[in-house]
Amino acid sequence: MGSIAPAISEDTQSADQIDAFIQNHPVAISLRNDPKYTEVRPHLKVAEQFRAQNFMTGALTGPRKIAVPPYVFSKENGEKLVMFMHLGENLCDYPQVIHNGLIAALFDEGLARCCFAALPHKVGVTANLNIEHHQPLMADSYIALSAETTKLQGRKAWGYSRIETLPVDGDEAILIAEARALFIEPKQIEVLGDSYRS
């Protein structure tokens, strides 16, 4: 299966250090300076009283998990999205190997955030998600998830995504997994209106 993705020990890194590494990474800086992209921290937009019940901002967030809210750079109308984050050692299945269920959740999160923006009412549900794993992802790794809407047809949006390691100290990025998904906007969205949107 090839080499295993590199990791950095979180023991020597505080949340502030993790945040600074992502914020100041050359890839993040280049996207921040590109006027076609908008930078957001979506996990920080979840109201504080609801964060504990939210899967991504609750169960998966904290020391040695997702210690720092992801940085997301996106183009308008779901054209493209790039999300940067760090995954700690308390998100593993096998020792020091990130759980593939988390990889699936990240693909669902990133692809949905990208493809929903392409849908008429900017909301949808996951109809299917297909993942191809290439390498195990080691704990305490920085990753970049990129996603794009590849096809739009009425209430349906198709997307493609990949997760790679975010290069550290001049290392090459390693492809961890790829995914393709279909999202469908519910027919009742016009009736439900804003109450359906998160």
N, C-alpha and C. Protein backbone atom coordinates (compact mmCIF):
# COMPACT_ATOMS: atom_id res chain seq x y z
N MET A 1 0.81 -1.20 0.00
CA MET A 1 0.00 0.00 0.00
C MET A 1 0.85 1.26 0.00
N GLY A 2 2.16 1.14 0.12
CA GLY A 2 3.00 2.33 0.07
C GLY A 2 3.27 2.88 1.45
N SER A 3 3.87 4.07 1.48
CA SER A 3 4.24 4.67 2.76
C SER A 3 3.04 5.21 3.49
N ILE A 4 3.14 5.21 4.80
CA ILE A 4 2.07 5.74 5.64
C ILE A 4 2.27 7.23 5.80
N ALA A 5 1.16 7.97 5.84
CA ALA A 5 1.22 9.43 5.93
C ALA A 5 1.95 9.87 7.19
N PRO A 6 2.77 10.93 7.09
CA PRO A 6 3.53 11.39 8.24
C PRO A 6 2.65 12.03 9.30
N ALA A 7 3.17 12.07 10.51
CA ALA A 7 2.43 12.67 11.61
C ALA A 7 3.34 13.58 12.40
N ILE A 8 2.72 14.47 13.16
CA ILE A 8 3.44 15.35 14.05
C ILE A 8 2.86 15.12 15.44
N SER A 9 3.70 14.98 16.43
CA SER A 9 3.21 14.71 17.78
C SER A 9 2.52 15.93 18.34
N GLU A 10 1.25 15.73 18.79
CA GLU A 10 0.50 16.82 19.40
C GLU A 10 1.01 17.10 20.81
N ASP A 11 1.81 16.17 21.39
CA ASP A 11 2.32 16.37 22.74
C ASP A 11 3.08 17.69 22.85
N THR A 12 3.76 18.08 21.79
CA THR A 12 4.57 19.29 21.84
C THR A 12 3.85 20.48 21.23
N GLN A 13 2.59 20.31 20.86
CA GLN A 13 1.86 21.39 20.21
C GLN A 13 0.62 21.77 21.00
N SER A 14 0.46 23.04 21.23
CA SER A 14 -0.77 23.54 21.83
C SER A 14 -1.76 23.84 20.71
N ALA A 15 -3.01 24.10 21.09
CA ALA A 15 -4.01 24.49 20.10
C ALA A 15 -3.56 25.75 19.36
N ASP A 16 -2.92 26.67 20.08
CA ASP A 16 -2.43 27.90 19.45
C ASP A 16 -1.36 27.60 18.40
N GLN A 17 -0.49 26.63 18.69
CA GLN A 17 0.55 26.26 17.72
C GLN A 17 -0.05 25.59 16.50
N ILE A 18 -1.04 24.73 16.72
CA ILE A 18 -1.72 24.08 15.59
C ILE A 18 -2.40 25.13 14.73
N ASP A 19 -3.10 26.05 15.39
CA ASP A 19 -3.81 27.11 14.67
C ASP A 19 -2.83 27.96 13.86
N ALA A 20 -1.71 28.31 14.47
CA ALA A 20 -0.72 29.14 13.78
C ALA A 20 -0.12 28.41 12.58
N PHE A 21 0.12 27.10 12.73
CA PHE A 21 0.68 26.34 11.62
C PHE A 21 -0.26 26.37 10.42
N ILE A 22 -1.55 26.11 10.67
CA ILE A 22 -2.52 26.10 9.55
C ILE A 22 -2.67 27.50 8.97
N GLN A 23 -2.85 28.47 9.84
CA GLN A 23 -3.09 29.84 9.38
C GLN A 23 -1.93 30.38 8.55
N ASN A 24 -0.72 29.98 8.90
CA ASN A 24 0.47 30.51 8.22
C ASN A 24 1.07 29.57 7.18
N HIS A 25 0.38 28.47 6.90
CA HIS A 25 0.89 27.54 5.89
C HIS A 25 0.84 28.22 4.52
N PRO A 26 1.87 28.03 3.68
CA PRO A 26 1.90 28.70 2.37
C PRO A 26 0.66 28.45 1.51
N VAL A 27 0.08 27.25 1.59
CA VAL A 27 -1.12 26.98 0.78
C VAL A 27 -2.29 27.81 1.29
N ALA A 28 -2.44 27.91 2.61
CA ALA A 28 -3.52 28.73 3.18
C ALA A 28 -3.31 30.20 2.83
N ILE A 29 -2.08 30.66 2.91
CA ILE A 29 -1.79 32.06 2.59
C ILE A 29 -2.11 32.36 1.13
N SER A 30 -1.78 31.44 0.23
CA SER A 30 -2.05 31.68 -1.19
C SER A 30 -3.55 31.75 -1.47
N LEU A 31 -4.34 30.91 -0.78
CA LEU A 31 -5.79 30.97 -0.96
C LEU A 31 -6.37 32.24 -0.33
N ARG A 32 -5.82 32.63 0.81
CA ARG A 32 -6.28 33.85 1.49
C ARG A 32 -6.04 35.08 0.61
N ASN A 33 -4.98 35.04 -0.18
CA ASN A 33 -4.64 36.17 -1.05
C ASN A 33 -5.31 36.10 -2.41
N ASP A 34 -6.05 35.02 -2.67
CA ASP A 34 -6.74 34.86 -3.95
C ASP A 34 -8.15 35.45 -3.83
N PRO A 35 -8.47 36.51 -4.57
CA PRO A 35 -9.79 37.15 -4.44
C PRO A 35 -10.97 36.26 -4.85
N LYS A 36 -10.70 35.13 -5.50
CA LYS A 36 -11.79 34.22 -5.90
C LYS A 36 -12.29 33.39 -4.71
N TYR A 37 -11.51 33.35 -3.62
CA TYR A 37 -11.86 32.54 -2.46
C TYR A 37 -12.29 33.40 -1.28
N THR A 38 -13.25 32.87 -0.52
CA THR A 38 -13.69 33.48 0.73
C THR A 38 -13.28 32.56 1.86
N GLU A 39 -12.71 33.13 2.92
CA GLU A 39 -12.26 32.35 4.07
C GLU A 39 -13.30 32.40 5.19
N VAL A 40 -13.64 31.23 5.73
CA VAL A 40 -14.59 31.16 6.86
C VAL A 40 -14.11 30.11 7.86
N ARG A 41 -14.64 30.19 9.07
CA ARG A 41 -14.44 29.17 10.09
C ARG A 41 -15.83 28.67 10.47
N PRO A 42 -16.42 27.75 9.68
CA PRO A 42 -17.83 27.38 9.86
C PRO A 42 -18.17 26.82 11.23
N HIS A 43 -17.24 26.11 11.87
CA HIS A 43 -17.54 25.54 13.18
C HIS A 43 -17.76 26.63 14.23
N LEU A 44 -17.14 27.78 14.03
CA LEU A 44 -17.33 28.88 14.96
C LEU A 44 -18.66 29.58 14.76
N LYS A 45 -19.32 29.31 13.63
CA LYS A 45 -20.63 29.92 13.36
C LYS A 45 -21.78 29.16 14.00
N VAL A 46 -21.52 27.94 14.47
CA VAL A 46 -22.55 27.17 15.18
C VAL A 46 -22.75 27.84 16.53
N ALA A 47 -23.99 28.17 16.86
CA ALA A 47 -24.28 28.85 18.13
C ALA A 47 -23.72 28.03 19.28
N GLU A 48 -23.11 28.72 20.24
CA GLU A 48 -22.41 28.04 21.33
C GLU A 48 -23.30 27.05 22.07
N GLN A 49 -24.58 27.40 22.25
CA GLN A 49 -25.48 26.50 23.00
C GLN A 49 -25.79 25.21 22.24
N PHE A 50 -25.50 25.17 20.92
CA PHE A 50 -25.78 23.97 20.12
C PHE A 50 -24.52 23.17 19.78
N ARG A 51 -23.35 23.69 20.11
CA ARG A 51 -22.10 23.04 19.69
C ARG A 51 -21.93 21.66 20.28
N ALA A 52 -22.32 21.47 21.53
CA ALA A 52 -22.13 20.16 22.19
C ALA A 52 -22.96 19.07 21.51
N GLN A 53 -24.13 19.41 20.96
CA GLN A 53 -24.99 18.42 20.31
C GLN A 53 -24.62 18.19 18.85
N ASN A 54 -23.80 19.07 18.29
CA ASN A 54 -23.40 18.97 16.89
C ASN A 54 -22.24 17.98 16.79
N PHE A 55 -22.36 17.00 15.89
CA PHE A 55 -21.34 15.95 15.77
C PHE A 55 -19.94 16.52 15.53
N MET A 56 -19.83 17.43 14.58
CA MET A 56 -18.51 17.95 14.22
C MET A 56 -17.96 18.92 15.26
N THR A 57 -18.82 19.73 15.87
CA THR A 57 -18.34 20.72 16.84
C THR A 57 -18.45 20.23 18.27
N GLY A 58 -19.05 19.06 18.47
CA GLY A 58 -19.22 18.51 19.80
C GLY A 58 -18.34 17.30 20.03
N ALA A 59 -18.84 16.13 19.61
CA ALA A 59 -18.14 14.86 19.89
C ALA A 59 -16.73 14.81 19.32
N LEU A 60 -16.49 15.44 18.20
CA LEU A 60 -15.18 15.34 17.55
C LEU A 60 -14.23 16.47 17.93
N THR A 61 -14.70 17.41 18.73
CA THR A 61 -13.90 18.59 19.04
C THR A 61 -13.31 18.52 20.44
N GLY A 62 -12.05 18.94 20.55
CA GLY A 62 -11.41 18.99 21.85
C GLY A 62 -9.95 18.60 21.77
N PRO A 63 -9.26 18.63 22.91
CA PRO A 63 -7.84 18.26 22.92
C PRO A 63 -7.64 16.85 22.38
N ARG A 64 -6.62 16.69 21.55
CA ARG A 64 -6.26 15.41 20.93
C ARG A 64 -7.33 14.87 19.98
N LYS A 65 -8.29 15.72 19.63
CA LYS A 65 -9.28 15.40 18.60
C LYS A 65 -9.13 16.46 17.52
N ILE A 66 -10.20 17.20 17.24
CA ILE A 66 -10.09 18.38 16.38
C ILE A 66 -9.95 19.55 17.34
N ALA A 67 -8.71 19.88 17.66
CA ALA A 67 -8.43 20.88 18.70
C ALA A 67 -8.65 22.30 18.21
N VAL A 68 -8.61 22.49 16.90
CA VAL A 68 -8.73 23.82 16.30
C VAL A 68 -9.81 23.78 15.22
N PRO A 69 -10.78 24.69 15.25
CA PRO A 69 -11.80 24.70 14.19
C PRO A 69 -11.17 24.81 12.81
N PRO A 70 -11.66 24.03 11.85
CA PRO A 70 -11.08 24.04 10.50
C PRO A 70 -11.15 25.42 9.83
N TYR A 71 -10.20 25.64 8.94
CA TYR A 71 -10.21 26.81 8.06
C TYR A 71 -10.78 26.35 6.73
N VAL A 72 -11.73 27.10 6.20
CA VAL A 72 -12.36 26.74 4.93
C VAL A 72 -12.25 27.91 3.96
N PHE A 73 -11.78 27.61 2.76
CA PHE A 73 -11.69 28.60 1.68
C PHE A 73 -12.60 28.10 0.55
N SER A 74 -13.50 28.95 0.09
CA SER A 74 -14.44 28.48 -0.94
C SER A 74 -14.68 29.53 -2.01
N LYS A 75 -14.96 29.02 -3.21
CA LYS A 75 -15.40 29.87 -4.32
C LYS A 75 -16.92 29.93 -4.30
N GLU A 76 -17.48 30.92 -4.98
CA GLU A 76 -18.93 31.10 -5.01
C GLU A 76 -19.63 29.95 -5.72
N ASN A 77 -20.88 29.73 -5.34
CA ASN A 77 -21.78 28.79 -6.01
C ASN A 77 -21.27 27.36 -6.06
N GLY A 78 -20.49 26.97 -5.05
CA GLY A 78 -20.06 25.58 -4.94
C GLY A 78 -19.03 25.14 -5.95
N GLU A 79 -18.36 26.09 -6.58
CA GLU A 79 -17.38 25.71 -7.61
C GLU A 79 -16.24 24.90 -7.00
N LYS A 80 -15.69 25.37 -5.86
CA LYS A 80 -14.57 24.68 -5.23
C LYS A 80 -14.47 25.08 -3.77
N LEU A 81 -13.91 24.16 -2.97
CA LEU A 81 -13.72 24.40 -1.53
C LEU A 81 -12.44 23.70 -1.10
N VAL A 82 -11.72 24.32 -0.16
CA VAL A 82 -10.54 23.69 0.44
C VAL A 82 -10.65 23.89 1.95
N MET A 83 -10.51 22.79 2.71
CA MET A 83 -10.63 22.84 4.17
C MET A 83 -9.34 22.29 4.78
N PHE A 84 -8.78 23.04 5.73
CA PHE A 84 -7.55 22.64 6.43
C PHE A 84 -7.87 22.33 7.88
N MET A 85 -7.29 21.22 8.40
CA MET A 85 -7.49 20.89 9.80
C MET A 85 -6.41 19.95 10.31
N HIS A 86 -6.40 19.77 11.62
CA HIS A 86 -5.47 18.87 12.30
C HIS A 86 -6.30 17.82 13.04
N LEU A 87 -5.88 16.56 12.95
CA LEU A 87 -6.62 15.45 13.58
C LEU A 87 -5.73 14.80 14.64
N GLY A 88 -6.21 14.81 15.88
CA GLY A 88 -5.43 14.30 17.01
C GLY A 88 -5.58 12.81 17.24
N GLU A 89 -4.86 12.30 18.23
CA GLU A 89 -4.75 10.86 18.47
C GLU A 89 -6.00 10.24 19.09
N ASN A 90 -6.94 11.03 19.58
CA ASN A 90 -8.16 10.47 20.15
C ASN A 90 -9.26 10.28 19.10
N LEU A 91 -8.86 10.23 17.84
CA LEU A 91 -9.79 10.00 16.72
C LEU A 91 -9.41 8.73 15.96
N CYS A 92 -8.77 7.81 16.66
CA CYS A 92 -8.21 6.62 16.01
C CYS A 92 -9.12 5.40 16.12
N ASP A 93 -8.82 4.44 15.26
CA ASP A 93 -9.41 3.10 15.32
C ASP A 93 -8.29 2.17 15.79
N TYR A 94 -7.34 1.88 14.92
CA TYR A 94 -6.12 1.20 15.32
C TYR A 94 -5.21 2.23 15.99
N PRO A 95 -4.26 1.78 16.81
CA PRO A 95 -3.37 2.73 17.47
C PRO A 95 -2.68 3.66 16.46
N GLN A 96 -2.84 4.94 16.69
CA GLN A 96 -2.21 6.00 15.91
C GLN A 96 -2.69 6.09 14.46
N VAL A 97 -3.78 5.39 14.11
CA VAL A 97 -4.34 5.47 12.75
C VAL A 97 -5.75 6.06 12.85
N ILE A 98 -5.97 7.17 12.16
CA ILE A 98 -7.28 7.83 12.19
C ILE A 98 -8.36 6.90 11.66
N HIS A 99 -9.49 6.88 12.33
CA HIS A 99 -10.62 6.01 11.98
C HIS A 99 -11.16 6.38 10.59
N ASN A 100 -11.36 5.37 9.74
CA ASN A 100 -11.90 5.64 8.40
C ASN A 100 -13.33 6.19 8.45
N GLY A 101 -14.05 5.93 9.53
CA GLY A 101 -15.37 6.53 9.69
C GLY A 101 -15.29 8.04 9.81
N LEU A 102 -14.21 8.52 10.43
CA LEU A 102 -14.01 9.97 10.50
C LEU A 102 -13.69 10.53 9.12
N ILE A 103 -12.89 9.79 8.35
CA ILE A 103 -12.60 10.21 6.97
C ILE A 103 -13.91 10.37 6.20
N ALA A 104 -14.83 9.41 6.36
CA ALA A 104 -16.13 9.49 5.69
C ALA A 104 -16.91 10.72 6.15
N ALA A 105 -16.91 10.98 7.46
CA ALA A 105 -17.62 12.15 7.99
C ALA A 105 -17.04 13.45 7.44
N LEU A 106 -15.71 13.51 7.32
CA LEU A 106 -15.09 14.72 6.78
C LEU A 106 -15.43 14.91 5.30
N PHE A 107 -15.46 13.82 4.54
CA PHE A 107 -15.87 13.93 3.14
C PHE A 107 -17.31 14.43 3.05
N ASP A 108 -18.19 13.87 3.88
CA ASP A 108 -19.59 14.29 3.85
C ASP A 108 -19.71 15.77 4.19
N GLU A 109 -18.99 16.19 5.21
CA GLU A 109 -19.00 17.60 5.63
C GLU A 109 -18.48 18.51 4.53
N GLY A 110 -17.31 18.20 3.98
CA GLY A 110 -16.69 19.07 2.98
C GLY A 110 -17.45 19.10 1.67
N LEU A 111 -17.86 17.93 1.19
CA LEU A 111 -18.61 17.87 -0.07
C LEU A 111 -19.97 18.56 0.07
N ALA A 112 -20.64 18.32 1.20
CA ALA A 112 -21.94 18.97 1.41
C ALA A 112 -21.79 20.48 1.43
N ARG A 113 -20.80 20.97 2.16
CA ARG A 113 -20.60 22.41 2.25
C ARG A 113 -20.33 23.01 0.85
N CYS A 114 -19.61 22.27 0.02
CA CYS A 114 -19.32 22.73 -1.33
C CYS A 114 -20.55 22.65 -2.23
N CYS A 115 -21.16 21.45 -2.30
CA CYS A 115 -22.26 21.22 -3.24
C CYS A 115 -23.55 21.93 -2.86
N PHE A 116 -23.81 22.09 -1.56
CA PHE A 116 -25.03 22.81 -1.15
C PHE A 116 -25.05 24.21 -1.75
N ALA A 117 -23.89 24.83 -1.83
CA ALA A 117 -23.81 26.20 -2.37
C ALA A 117 -24.22 26.26 -3.83
N ALA A 118 -24.19 25.12 -4.52
CA ALA A 118 -24.57 25.08 -5.94
C ALA A 118 -26.06 24.84 -6.13
N LEU A 119 -26.74 24.34 -5.09
CA LEU A 119 -28.16 24.01 -5.21
C LEU A 119 -29.04 25.27 -5.16
N PRO A 120 -30.23 25.21 -5.76
CA PRO A 120 -31.08 26.41 -5.83
C PRO A 120 -31.36 27.07 -4.48
N HIS A 121 -31.66 26.26 -3.44
CA HIS A 121 -31.96 26.82 -2.12
C HIS A 121 -30.82 26.62 -1.13
N LYS A 122 -29.65 26.20 -1.63
CA LYS A 122 -28.43 26.07 -0.82
C LYS A 122 -28.55 25.06 0.31
N VAL A 123 -29.39 24.04 0.14
CA VAL A 123 -29.59 23.02 1.17
C VAL A 123 -29.83 21.69 0.49
N GLY A 124 -29.36 20.60 1.10
CA GLY A 124 -29.58 19.28 0.52
C GLY A 124 -29.33 18.18 1.54
N VAL A 125 -29.49 16.96 1.07
CA VAL A 125 -29.18 15.78 1.89
C VAL A 125 -28.27 14.87 1.07
N THR A 126 -27.48 14.07 1.77
CA THR A 126 -26.57 13.15 1.09
C THR A 126 -27.36 11.96 0.56
N ALA A 127 -27.34 11.76 -0.76
CA ALA A 127 -28.01 10.60 -1.37
C ALA A 127 -27.05 9.41 -1.43
N ASN A 128 -25.80 9.66 -1.78
CA ASN A 128 -24.78 8.60 -1.70
C ASN A 128 -23.40 9.22 -1.58
N LEU A 129 -22.49 8.43 -1.01
CA LEU A 129 -21.12 8.85 -0.80
C LEU A 129 -20.23 7.64 -1.02
N ASN A 130 -19.35 7.70 -2.01
CA ASN A 130 -18.46 6.60 -2.35
C ASN A 130 -17.02 7.02 -2.10
N ILE A 131 -16.29 6.20 -1.33
CA ILE A 131 -14.94 6.55 -0.92
C ILE A 131 -13.94 5.49 -1.38
N GLU A 132 -12.80 5.97 -1.86
CA GLU A 132 -11.70 5.09 -2.20
C GLU A 132 -10.51 5.47 -1.32
N HIS A 133 -10.09 4.57 -0.45
CA HIS A 133 -8.97 4.83 0.46
C HIS A 133 -7.66 4.41 -0.19
N HIS A 134 -6.66 5.28 -0.10
CA HIS A 134 -5.35 5.00 -0.70
C HIS A 134 -4.27 4.73 0.35
N GLN A 135 -4.29 5.48 1.44
CA GLN A 135 -3.27 5.35 2.49
C GLN A 135 -3.95 5.50 3.85
N PRO A 136 -3.44 4.83 4.88
CA PRO A 136 -3.93 5.14 6.22
C PRO A 136 -3.45 6.54 6.62
N LEU A 137 -4.25 7.22 7.40
CA LEU A 137 -3.88 8.55 7.89
C LEU A 137 -3.48 8.43 9.35
N MET A 138 -2.27 8.83 9.66
CA MET A 138 -1.77 8.73 11.02
C MET A 138 -2.31 9.87 11.88
N ALA A 139 -2.44 9.58 13.18
CA ALA A 139 -2.89 10.60 14.12
C ALA A 139 -1.91 11.76 14.16
N ASP A 140 -2.43 12.91 14.59
CA ASP A 140 -1.65 14.14 14.70
C ASP A 140 -1.12 14.59 13.34
N SER A 141 -1.95 14.42 12.33
CA SER A 141 -1.62 14.87 10.98
C SER A 141 -2.42 16.11 10.63
N TYR A 142 -1.81 16.96 9.83
CA TYR A 142 -2.51 18.08 9.21
C TYR A 142 -3.02 17.61 7.86
N ILE A 143 -4.25 17.97 7.52
CA ILE A 143 -4.82 17.55 6.23
C ILE A 143 -5.42 18.72 5.48
N ALA A 144 -5.52 18.53 4.17
CA ALA A 144 -6.24 19.45 3.29
C ALA A 144 -7.30 18.64 2.56
N LEU A 145 -8.55 19.03 2.72
CA LEU A 145 -9.65 18.41 1.99
C LEU A 145 -10.06 19.39 0.91
N SER A 146 -10.00 18.96 -0.35
CA SER A 146 -10.48 19.81 -1.45
C SER A 146 -11.74 19.17 -2.03
N ALA A 147 -12.68 20.01 -2.43
CA ALA A 147 -13.94 19.51 -2.99
C ALA A 147 -14.38 20.44 -4.12
N GLU A 148 -15.13 19.86 -5.05
CA GLU A 148 -15.69 20.66 -6.14
C GLU A 148 -17.01 20.05 -6.59
N THR A 149 -17.90 20.92 -7.04
CA THR A 149 -19.15 20.46 -7.64
C THR A 149 -18.85 20.12 -9.09
N THR A 150 -19.10 18.88 -9.47
CA THR A 150 -18.74 18.43 -10.82
C THR A 150 -19.93 18.45 -11.79
N LYS A 151 -21.15 18.40 -11.25
CA LYS A 151 -22.34 18.39 -12.11
C LYS A 151 -23.52 18.91 -11.30
N LEU A 152 -24.38 19.69 -11.96
CA LEU A 152 -25.57 20.23 -11.33
C LEU A 152 -26.74 20.02 -12.27
N GLN A 153 -27.81 19.41 -11.73
CA GLN A 153 -28.99 19.16 -12.55
C GLN A 153 -30.22 19.35 -11.67
N GLY A 154 -30.87 20.50 -11.80
CA GLY A 154 -32.05 20.79 -10.99
C GLY A 154 -31.75 20.75 -9.50
N ARG A 155 -32.39 19.80 -8.79
CA ARG A 155 -32.20 19.66 -7.34
C ARG A 155 -31.06 18.71 -6.98
N LYS A 156 -30.28 18.29 -7.96
CA LYS A 156 -29.19 17.34 -7.72
C LYS A 156 -27.84 17.99 -7.98
N ALA A 157 -26.89 17.71 -7.09
CA ALA A 157 -25.52 18.19 -7.27
C ALA A 157 -24.57 17.03 -7.00
N TRP A 158 -23.63 16.82 -7.91
CA TRP A 158 -22.60 15.79 -7.77
C TRP A 158 -21.29 16.47 -7.41
N GLY A 159 -20.49 15.80 -6.58
CA GLY A 159 -19.22 16.39 -6.18
C GLY A 159 -18.10 15.37 -6.12
N TYR A 160 -16.88 15.88 -6.20
CA TYR A 160 -15.66 15.09 -6.07
C TYR A 160 -14.79 15.74 -4.99
N SER A 161 -14.13 14.90 -4.20
CA SER A 161 -13.28 15.42 -3.13
C SER A 161 -12.07 14.52 -2.93
N ARG A 162 -11.01 15.09 -2.36
CA ARG A 162 -9.83 14.32 -2.00
C ARG A 162 -9.27 14.87 -0.69
N ILE A 163 -8.70 13.97 0.09
CA ILE A 163 -8.01 14.36 1.32
C ILE A 163 -6.54 14.02 1.14
N GLU A 164 -5.69 15.01 1.39
CA GLU A 164 -4.24 14.84 1.32
C GLU A 164 -3.63 15.37 2.61
N THR A 165 -2.45 14.91 2.92
CA THR A 165 -1.73 15.51 4.03
C THR A 165 -1.29 16.91 3.63
N LEU A 166 -1.28 17.80 4.59
CA LEU A 166 -0.78 19.15 4.36
C LEU A 166 0.73 19.10 4.60
N PRO A 167 1.54 19.41 3.59
CA PRO A 167 2.98 19.23 3.71
C PRO A 167 3.59 19.96 4.91
N VAL A 168 4.48 19.25 5.59
CA VAL A 168 5.19 19.78 6.75
C VAL A 168 6.69 19.68 6.47
N ASP A 169 7.42 20.76 6.74
CA ASP A 169 8.89 20.77 6.59
C ASP A 169 9.34 20.29 5.22
N GLY A 170 8.64 20.72 4.17
CA GLY A 170 9.06 20.39 2.82
C GLY A 170 8.68 19.02 2.32
N ASP A 171 7.96 18.22 3.15
CA ASP A 171 7.50 16.91 2.68
C ASP A 171 6.51 17.07 1.53
N GLU A 172 6.37 16.02 0.74
CA GLU A 172 5.35 16.00 -0.32
C GLU A 172 3.99 15.67 0.29
N ALA A 173 2.94 16.22 -0.29
CA ALA A 173 1.58 15.85 0.13
C ALA A 173 1.34 14.40 -0.25
N ILE A 174 0.61 13.68 0.62
CA ILE A 174 0.26 12.28 0.37
C ILE A 174 -1.24 12.17 0.22
N LEU A 175 -1.69 11.54 -0.87
CA LEU A 175 -3.11 11.33 -1.09
C LEU A 175 -3.61 10.25 -0.15
N ILE A 176 -4.58 10.58 0.68
CA ILE A 176 -5.14 9.65 1.66
C ILE A 176 -6.36 8.94 1.09
N ALA A 177 -7.29 9.70 0.52
CA ALA A 177 -8.54 9.11 0.02
C ALA A 177 -9.21 10.06 -0.96
N GLU A 178 -10.11 9.49 -1.78
CA GLU A 178 -10.92 10.26 -2.71
C GLU A 178 -12.38 9.88 -2.50
N ALA A 179 -13.28 10.79 -2.82
CA ALA A 179 -14.70 10.50 -2.66
C ALA A 179 -15.52 11.19 -3.74
N ARG A 180 -16.64 10.55 -4.06
CA ARG A 180 -17.63 11.13 -4.96
C ARG A 180 -18.97 11.02 -4.29
N ALA A 181 -19.81 12.04 -4.47
CA ALA A 181 -21.09 12.05 -3.75
C ALA A 181 -22.18 12.70 -4.60
N LEU A 182 -23.41 12.37 -4.24
CA LEU A 182 -24.60 13.00 -4.82
C LEU A 182 -25.41 13.60 -3.69
N PHE A 183 -25.80 14.86 -3.85
CA PHE A 183 -26.65 15.55 -2.88
C PHE A 183 -27.94 15.98 -3.57
N ILE A 184 -29.04 15.86 -2.86
CA ILE A 184 -30.34 16.21 -3.41
C ILE A 184 -31.04 17.21 -2.51
N GLU A 185 -31.54 18.27 -3.12
CA GLU A 185 -32.32 19.26 -2.37
C GLU A 185 -33.73 18.71 -2.14
N PRO A 186 -34.22 18.68 -0.90
CA PRO A 186 -35.56 18.14 -0.64
C PRO A 186 -36.64 18.93 -1.37
N LYS A 187 -37.65 18.22 -1.86
CA LYS A 187 -38.76 18.88 -2.57
C LYS A 187 -39.49 19.86 -1.67
N GLN A 188 -39.58 19.54 -0.37
CA GLN A 188 -40.36 20.36 0.55
C GLN A 188 -39.62 21.59 1.05
N ILE A 189 -38.43 21.87 0.52
CA ILE A 189 -37.64 22.97 1.05
C ILE A 189 -38.35 24.31 0.92
N GLU A 190 -39.11 24.52 -0.15
CA GLU A 190 -39.80 25.80 -0.32
C GLU A 190 -40.88 25.98 0.74
N VAL A 191 -41.48 24.89 1.18
CA VAL A 191 -42.51 24.95 2.22
C VAL A 191 -41.85 25.16 3.59
N LEU A 192 -40.76 24.43 3.83
CA LEU A 192 -40.10 24.51 5.14
C LEU A 192 -39.33 25.82 5.31
N GLY A 193 -38.81 26.35 4.22
CA GLY A 193 -38.11 27.64 4.26
C GLY A 193 -36.91 27.62 5.16
N ASP A 194 -36.70 28.73 5.88
CA ASP A 194 -35.50 28.92 6.69
C ASP A 194 -35.41 27.95 7.86
N SER A 195 -36.55 27.38 8.30
CA SER A 195 -36.52 26.48 9.44
C SER A 195 -35.73 25.20 9.13
N TYR A 196 -35.55 24.87 7.85
CA TYR A 196 -34.81 23.67 7.46
C TYR A 196 -33.31 23.91 7.42
N ARG A 197 -32.94 25.16 7.24
CA ARG A 197 -31.52 25.48 7.08
C ARG A 197 -30.83 25.54 8.44
N SER A 198 -29.56 25.06 8.45
CA SER A 198 -28.80 25.10 9.71
C SER A 198 -28.17 26.46 9.90
